[in-house]
């Protein structure tokens, strides 16, 4: 496929992350990712994708946001599973982690900054999630 654009699910790695949520207990997996990110000095590319996808899933579960996703069925199933639990309990840590993705410790941010035209669009997408979760 080879996807790369400014949306959360416009990246092949995001689909891998979504697939991993579909085969696991999504809440447990998200909590594991959040615990790993908490004290990280640097967030690798894949770590950032885990934080972005989990933030989008929480946003979808809490706010009913619809994301453009080529695997709508998997996204809907993961979102429904997260919704069964208490996704509101993850809002604060989701926001913190989305800020980490936008910070100086993020490889993904570094890569996006190289594209002066699309970086502001990518950043605004993440800031919109933060805004809805706040």
N, C-alpha and C. Protein backbone atom coordinates (compact mmCIF):
# COMPACT_ATOMS: atom_id res chain seq x y z
N UNK A 1 0.84 -1.19 0.00
CA UNK A 1 0.00 0.00 0.00
C UNK A 1 0.88 1.24 0.00
N UNK A 2 1.67 1.51 1.02
CA UNK A 2 2.56 2.65 1.03
C UNK A 2 1.87 3.97 1.27
N UNK A 3 1.26 4.13 2.42
CA UNK A 3 0.52 5.36 2.74
C UNK A 3 1.39 6.34 3.50
N UNK A 4 1.17 7.63 3.21
CA UNK A 4 1.85 8.68 3.96
C UNK A 4 1.12 9.98 3.67
N UNK A 5 0.35 10.44 4.66
CA UNK A 5 -0.33 11.72 4.53
C UNK A 5 -0.58 12.22 5.94
N UNK A 6 -1.29 13.32 6.10
CA UNK A 6 -1.39 14.00 7.39
C UNK A 6 -2.42 13.42 8.35
N UNK A 7 -3.30 12.56 7.90
CA UNK A 7 -4.30 11.97 8.79
C UNK A 7 -3.69 10.91 9.69
N UNK A 8 -4.36 10.61 10.78
CA UNK A 8 -3.87 9.61 11.73
C UNK A 8 -3.68 8.26 11.05
N UNK A 9 -4.62 7.88 10.19
CA UNK A 9 -4.54 6.58 9.53
C UNK A 9 -4.04 6.68 8.09
N UNK A 10 -3.22 7.67 7.84
CA UNK A 10 -2.60 7.84 6.53
C UNK A 10 -1.16 7.35 6.54
N UNK A 11 -0.91 6.31 7.30
CA UNK A 11 0.43 5.78 7.48
C UNK A 11 0.32 4.27 7.67
N UNK A 12 1.12 3.51 6.96
CA UNK A 12 1.06 2.06 7.07
C UNK A 12 1.28 1.56 8.49
N UNK A 13 2.16 2.21 9.22
CA UNK A 13 2.44 1.80 10.59
C UNK A 13 1.21 1.98 11.47
N UNK A 14 0.41 2.99 11.20
CA UNK A 14 -0.82 3.19 11.97
C UNK A 14 -1.76 1.99 11.79
N UNK A 15 -1.79 1.42 10.60
CA UNK A 15 -2.63 0.23 10.37
C UNK A 15 -2.09 -0.98 11.12
N UNK A 16 -0.77 -1.09 11.21
CA UNK A 16 -0.17 -2.17 12.01
C UNK A 16 -0.55 -2.01 13.48
N UNK A 17 -0.49 -0.78 13.95
CA UNK A 17 -0.86 -0.48 15.34
C UNK A 17 -2.33 -0.80 15.58
N UNK A 18 -3.19 -0.39 14.67
CA UNK A 18 -4.62 -0.69 14.78
C UNK A 18 -4.86 -2.19 14.79
N UNK A 19 -4.16 -2.92 13.94
CA UNK A 19 -4.30 -4.38 13.91
C UNK A 19 -3.86 -5.00 15.23
N UNK A 20 -2.82 -4.46 15.84
CA UNK A 20 -2.38 -4.99 17.14
C UNK A 20 -3.41 -4.74 18.22
N UNK A 21 -4.14 -3.63 18.14
CA UNK A 21 -5.22 -3.37 19.09
C UNK A 21 -6.38 -4.34 18.87
N UNK A 22 -6.59 -4.74 17.63
CA UNK A 22 -7.71 -5.63 17.31
C UNK A 22 -7.50 -7.05 17.81
N UNK A 23 -6.24 -7.47 17.95
CA UNK A 23 -5.98 -8.84 18.39
C UNK A 23 -5.65 -8.92 19.88
N UNK A 24 -5.62 -7.80 20.54
CA UNK A 24 -5.30 -7.75 21.97
C UNK A 24 -6.50 -7.19 22.72
N UNK A 25 -6.36 -7.10 24.03
CA UNK A 25 -7.30 -6.33 24.83
C UNK A 25 -6.89 -4.87 24.60
N UNK A 26 -7.68 -4.10 23.85
CA UNK A 26 -7.23 -2.75 23.48
C UNK A 26 -6.90 -1.86 24.68
N UNK A 27 -7.71 -1.92 25.71
CA UNK A 27 -7.43 -1.06 26.88
C UNK A 27 -6.12 -1.45 27.55
N UNK A 28 -5.86 -2.75 27.67
CA UNK A 28 -4.60 -3.19 28.27
C UNK A 28 -3.41 -2.78 27.40
N UNK A 29 -3.57 -2.92 26.08
CA UNK A 29 -2.49 -2.54 25.17
C UNK A 29 -2.22 -1.03 25.23
N UNK A 30 -3.28 -0.24 25.22
CA UNK A 30 -3.12 1.21 25.31
C UNK A 30 -2.43 1.59 26.62
N UNK A 31 -2.86 1.00 27.72
CA UNK A 31 -2.23 1.28 29.01
C UNK A 31 -0.76 0.89 29.00
N UNK A 32 -0.43 -0.20 28.34
CA UNK A 32 0.97 -0.63 28.23
C UNK A 32 1.79 0.41 27.45
N UNK A 33 1.23 0.87 26.33
CA UNK A 33 1.93 1.89 25.54
C UNK A 33 2.11 3.17 26.34
N UNK A 34 1.08 3.56 27.08
CA UNK A 34 1.15 4.79 27.86
C UNK A 34 2.17 4.67 28.98
N UNK A 35 2.26 3.52 29.61
CA UNK A 35 3.25 3.31 30.66
C UNK A 35 4.66 3.38 30.09
N UNK A 36 4.87 2.81 28.92
CA UNK A 36 6.19 2.84 28.29
C UNK A 36 6.59 4.26 27.88
N UNK A 37 5.63 5.05 27.47
CA UNK A 37 5.93 6.41 27.01
C UNK A 37 6.16 7.39 28.16
N UNK A 38 5.64 7.04 29.33
CA UNK A 38 5.66 7.97 30.46
C UNK A 38 7.04 8.53 30.78
N UNK A 39 8.03 7.66 30.85
CA UNK A 39 9.36 8.10 31.24
C UNK A 39 10.37 8.04 30.09
N UNK A 40 9.86 7.93 28.88
CA UNK A 40 10.75 7.82 27.72
C UNK A 40 11.50 9.13 27.49
N UNK A 41 12.79 9.00 27.25
CA UNK A 41 13.60 10.17 26.92
C UNK A 41 13.43 10.54 25.45
N UNK A 42 13.06 9.55 24.65
CA UNK A 42 12.89 9.76 23.21
C UNK A 42 11.84 8.77 22.72
N UNK A 43 10.94 9.23 21.88
CA UNK A 43 9.89 8.38 21.32
C UNK A 43 10.23 8.06 19.87
N UNK A 44 10.48 6.79 19.61
CA UNK A 44 10.75 6.33 18.26
C UNK A 44 9.48 6.47 17.41
N UNK A 45 9.67 6.37 16.12
CA UNK A 45 8.59 6.51 15.15
C UNK A 45 7.38 5.63 15.50
N UNK A 46 7.61 4.34 15.71
CA UNK A 46 6.51 3.41 16.00
C UNK A 46 5.85 3.74 17.33
N UNK A 47 6.62 4.14 18.32
CA UNK A 47 6.05 4.54 19.61
C UNK A 47 5.07 5.69 19.41
N UNK A 48 5.45 6.64 18.59
CA UNK A 48 4.59 7.79 18.30
C UNK A 48 3.30 7.35 17.62
N UNK A 49 3.41 6.42 16.68
CA UNK A 49 2.22 5.92 16.01
C UNK A 49 1.27 5.23 16.99
N UNK A 50 1.83 4.50 17.95
CA UNK A 50 1.00 3.86 18.97
C UNK A 50 0.24 4.91 19.78
N UNK A 51 0.89 5.99 20.10
CA UNK A 51 0.25 7.06 20.87
C UNK A 51 -0.80 7.79 20.04
N UNK A 52 -0.52 8.01 18.76
CA UNK A 52 -1.50 8.69 17.90
C UNK A 52 -2.74 7.83 17.67
N UNK A 53 -2.55 6.58 17.35
CA UNK A 53 -3.69 5.70 17.09
C UNK A 53 -4.52 5.52 18.35
N UNK A 54 -3.86 5.32 19.49
CA UNK A 54 -4.62 5.16 20.73
C UNK A 54 -5.37 6.44 21.08
N UNK A 55 -4.77 7.59 20.84
CA UNK A 55 -5.47 8.85 21.08
C UNK A 55 -6.68 9.00 20.18
N UNK A 56 -6.55 8.60 18.93
CA UNK A 56 -7.67 8.67 17.99
C UNK A 56 -8.78 7.71 18.38
N UNK A 57 -8.42 6.53 18.83
CA UNK A 57 -9.42 5.55 19.26
C UNK A 57 -10.18 6.06 20.49
N UNK A 58 -9.46 6.64 21.43
CA UNK A 58 -10.10 7.20 22.61
C UNK A 58 -11.01 8.36 22.22
N UNK A 59 -10.54 9.21 21.31
CA UNK A 59 -11.34 10.31 20.80
C UNK A 59 -12.61 9.80 20.13
N UNK A 60 -12.48 8.78 19.31
CA UNK A 60 -13.64 8.19 18.64
C UNK A 60 -14.62 7.59 19.65
N UNK A 61 -14.09 6.91 20.66
CA UNK A 61 -14.95 6.28 21.67
C UNK A 61 -15.69 7.31 22.51
N UNK A 62 -15.01 8.39 22.87
CA UNK A 62 -15.62 9.39 23.75
C UNK A 62 -16.44 10.44 23.00
N UNK A 63 -15.99 10.81 21.83
CA UNK A 63 -16.59 11.95 21.13
C UNK A 63 -17.29 11.58 19.83
N UNK A 64 -17.26 10.30 19.48
CA UNK A 64 -17.93 9.87 18.26
C UNK A 64 -17.28 10.39 16.98
N UNK A 65 -16.02 10.77 17.07
CA UNK A 65 -15.32 11.30 15.90
C UNK A 65 -15.09 10.16 14.90
N UNK A 66 -15.33 10.45 13.65
CA UNK A 66 -15.12 9.49 12.58
C UNK A 66 -13.82 9.83 11.87
N UNK A 67 -12.91 8.88 11.83
CA UNK A 67 -11.63 9.09 11.17
C UNK A 67 -11.64 8.40 9.81
N UNK A 68 -11.02 9.05 8.83
CA UNK A 68 -10.84 8.40 7.54
C UNK A 68 -9.86 7.26 7.75
N UNK A 69 -10.32 6.05 7.43
CA UNK A 69 -9.51 4.86 7.67
C UNK A 69 -9.88 3.81 6.64
N UNK A 70 -8.91 3.26 5.96
CA UNK A 70 -9.17 2.24 4.96
C UNK A 70 -9.66 0.93 5.57
N UNK A 71 -9.46 0.75 6.86
CA UNK A 71 -9.93 -0.45 7.56
C UNK A 71 -10.98 -0.03 8.59
N UNK A 72 -12.08 0.51 8.09
CA UNK A 72 -13.14 1.04 8.95
C UNK A 72 -13.71 -0.02 9.89
N UNK A 73 -13.79 -1.26 9.43
CA UNK A 73 -14.35 -2.34 10.25
C UNK A 73 -13.50 -2.58 11.50
N UNK A 74 -12.19 -2.64 11.32
CA UNK A 74 -11.30 -2.85 12.47
C UNK A 74 -11.34 -1.66 13.40
N UNK A 75 -11.31 -0.46 12.85
CA UNK A 75 -11.38 0.73 13.69
C UNK A 75 -12.67 0.76 14.49
N UNK A 76 -13.79 0.43 13.86
CA UNK A 76 -15.08 0.41 14.55
C UNK A 76 -15.10 -0.64 15.65
N UNK A 77 -14.52 -1.81 15.39
CA UNK A 77 -14.50 -2.88 16.39
C UNK A 77 -13.63 -2.50 17.59
N UNK A 78 -12.47 -1.94 17.33
CA UNK A 78 -11.58 -1.52 18.42
C UNK A 78 -12.23 -0.39 19.22
N UNK A 79 -12.82 0.56 18.53
CA UNK A 79 -13.49 1.68 19.21
C UNK A 79 -14.64 1.17 20.08
N UNK A 80 -15.42 0.24 19.57
CA UNK A 80 -16.54 -0.32 20.33
C UNK A 80 -16.04 -1.04 21.58
N UNK A 81 -14.94 -1.76 21.45
CA UNK A 81 -14.38 -2.47 22.60
C UNK A 81 -13.88 -1.49 23.66
N UNK A 82 -13.20 -0.44 23.23
CA UNK A 82 -12.71 0.59 24.16
C UNK A 82 -13.89 1.28 24.85
N UNK A 83 -14.93 1.53 24.09
CA UNK A 83 -16.12 2.21 24.61
C UNK A 83 -16.79 1.43 25.75
N UNK A 84 -16.66 0.10 25.74
CA UNK A 84 -17.25 -0.76 26.77
C UNK A 84 -16.61 -0.54 28.14
N UNK A 85 -15.42 -0.01 28.14
CA UNK A 85 -14.67 0.20 29.37
C UNK A 85 -14.78 1.67 29.77
N UNK A 86 -13.80 2.20 30.40
CA UNK A 86 -13.86 3.59 30.84
C UNK A 86 -12.81 4.43 30.11
N UNK A 87 -13.03 4.72 28.82
CA UNK A 87 -12.01 5.49 28.10
C UNK A 87 -11.79 6.89 28.66
N UNK A 88 -12.78 7.42 29.38
CA UNK A 88 -12.61 8.76 29.98
C UNK A 88 -11.46 8.76 30.98
N UNK A 89 -11.19 7.60 31.58
CA UNK A 89 -10.09 7.52 32.54
C UNK A 89 -8.73 7.70 31.87
N UNK A 90 -8.69 7.59 30.55
CA UNK A 90 -7.43 7.73 29.80
C UNK A 90 -7.24 9.10 29.17
N UNK A 91 -8.23 9.98 29.32
CA UNK A 91 -8.15 11.28 28.65
C UNK A 91 -6.90 12.06 29.00
N UNK A 92 -6.60 12.18 30.28
CA UNK A 92 -5.46 13.01 30.71
C UNK A 92 -4.15 12.44 30.17
N UNK A 93 -3.97 11.14 30.31
CA UNK A 93 -2.72 10.55 29.84
C UNK A 93 -2.66 10.53 28.31
N UNK A 94 -3.80 10.41 27.65
CA UNK A 94 -3.81 10.50 26.18
C UNK A 94 -3.35 11.89 25.73
N UNK A 95 -3.87 12.91 26.38
CA UNK A 95 -3.46 14.29 26.06
C UNK A 95 -1.97 14.48 26.29
N UNK A 96 -1.47 14.00 27.43
CA UNK A 96 -0.04 14.12 27.73
C UNK A 96 0.80 13.45 26.63
N UNK A 97 0.37 12.27 26.21
CA UNK A 97 1.13 11.54 25.20
C UNK A 97 1.04 12.17 23.82
N UNK A 98 -0.10 12.74 23.49
CA UNK A 98 -0.19 13.46 22.22
C UNK A 98 0.72 14.69 22.23
N UNK A 99 0.82 15.34 23.38
CA UNK A 99 1.78 16.46 23.49
C UNK A 99 3.21 15.95 23.33
N UNK A 100 3.50 14.76 23.84
CA UNK A 100 4.84 14.18 23.67
C UNK A 100 5.15 13.95 22.19
N UNK A 101 4.15 13.50 21.44
CA UNK A 101 4.36 13.28 20.01
C UNK A 101 4.70 14.59 19.31
N UNK A 102 4.17 15.69 19.81
CA UNK A 102 4.44 17.00 19.22
C UNK A 102 5.69 17.67 19.78
N UNK A 103 6.35 17.01 20.73
CA UNK A 103 7.47 17.64 21.44
C UNK A 103 8.82 17.31 20.80
N UNK A 104 9.87 17.82 21.44
CA UNK A 104 11.24 17.63 20.97
C UNK A 104 11.75 16.21 21.17
N UNK A 105 11.01 15.34 21.87
CA UNK A 105 11.47 13.97 22.08
C UNK A 105 10.84 12.99 21.08
N UNK A 106 10.23 13.51 20.04
CA UNK A 106 9.47 12.69 19.09
C UNK A 106 10.18 12.58 17.73
N UNK A 107 10.50 11.36 17.34
CA UNK A 107 11.08 11.14 16.02
C UNK A 107 10.07 11.48 14.93
N UNK A 108 8.80 11.17 15.17
CA UNK A 108 7.77 11.46 14.17
C UNK A 108 7.64 12.96 13.92
N UNK A 109 7.68 13.75 14.98
CA UNK A 109 7.64 15.21 14.81
C UNK A 109 8.84 15.69 14.00
N UNK A 110 10.01 15.13 14.31
CA UNK A 110 11.22 15.51 13.57
C UNK A 110 11.05 15.25 12.08
N UNK A 111 10.50 14.10 11.75
CA UNK A 111 10.29 13.74 10.35
C UNK A 111 9.28 14.67 9.68
N UNK A 112 8.19 14.96 10.38
CA UNK A 112 7.18 15.84 9.80
C UNK A 112 7.69 17.27 9.64
N UNK A 113 8.53 17.72 10.54
CA UNK A 113 9.06 19.09 10.43
C UNK A 113 9.87 19.30 9.15
N UNK A 114 10.37 18.22 8.59
CA UNK A 114 11.14 18.33 7.36
C UNK A 114 10.26 18.74 6.18
N UNK A 115 8.96 18.59 6.32
CA UNK A 115 8.02 18.97 5.26
C UNK A 115 7.30 20.25 5.69
N UNK A 116 7.85 21.37 5.32
CA UNK A 116 7.33 22.67 5.76
C UNK A 116 5.88 22.90 5.34
N UNK A 117 5.47 22.32 4.22
CA UNK A 117 4.10 22.51 3.74
C UNK A 117 3.08 21.69 4.53
N UNK A 118 3.39 20.44 4.82
CA UNK A 118 2.41 19.56 5.45
C UNK A 118 2.52 19.47 6.98
N UNK A 119 3.66 19.87 7.53
CA UNK A 119 3.83 19.79 8.99
C UNK A 119 2.72 20.53 9.74
N UNK A 120 2.36 21.76 9.37
CA UNK A 120 1.30 22.45 10.11
C UNK A 120 -0.05 21.72 10.05
N UNK A 121 -0.33 21.06 8.93
CA UNK A 121 -1.58 20.32 8.77
C UNK A 121 -1.56 19.10 9.69
N UNK A 122 -0.45 18.36 9.67
CA UNK A 122 -0.29 17.19 10.54
C UNK A 122 -0.42 17.59 12.01
N UNK A 123 0.27 18.65 12.39
CA UNK A 123 0.23 19.13 13.77
C UNK A 123 -1.19 19.53 14.17
N UNK A 124 -1.90 20.23 13.28
CA UNK A 124 -3.26 20.67 13.57
C UNK A 124 -4.20 19.48 13.79
N UNK A 125 -3.96 18.40 13.07
CA UNK A 125 -4.76 17.18 13.26
C UNK A 125 -4.63 16.66 14.69
N UNK A 126 -3.42 16.64 15.18
CA UNK A 126 -3.16 16.15 16.55
C UNK A 126 -3.69 17.16 17.58
N UNK A 127 -3.47 18.43 17.33
CA UNK A 127 -3.98 19.46 18.25
C UNK A 127 -5.51 19.42 18.34
N UNK A 128 -6.17 19.05 17.25
CA UNK A 128 -7.64 18.94 17.27
C UNK A 128 -8.08 17.79 18.18
N UNK A 129 -7.34 16.69 18.16
CA UNK A 129 -7.66 15.57 19.07
C UNK A 129 -7.47 16.04 20.51
N UNK A 130 -6.35 16.70 20.77
CA UNK A 130 -6.09 17.22 22.12
C UNK A 130 -7.23 18.13 22.56
N UNK A 131 -7.66 19.01 21.69
CA UNK A 131 -8.74 19.92 22.01
C UNK A 131 -10.05 19.21 22.36
N UNK A 132 -10.36 18.16 21.61
CA UNK A 132 -11.60 17.42 21.89
C UNK A 132 -11.49 16.61 23.18
N UNK A 133 -10.30 16.17 23.52
CA UNK A 133 -10.14 15.39 24.74
C UNK A 133 -10.01 16.25 26.00
N UNK A 134 -9.74 17.54 25.79
CA UNK A 134 -9.55 18.44 26.93
C UNK A 134 -10.87 18.77 27.59
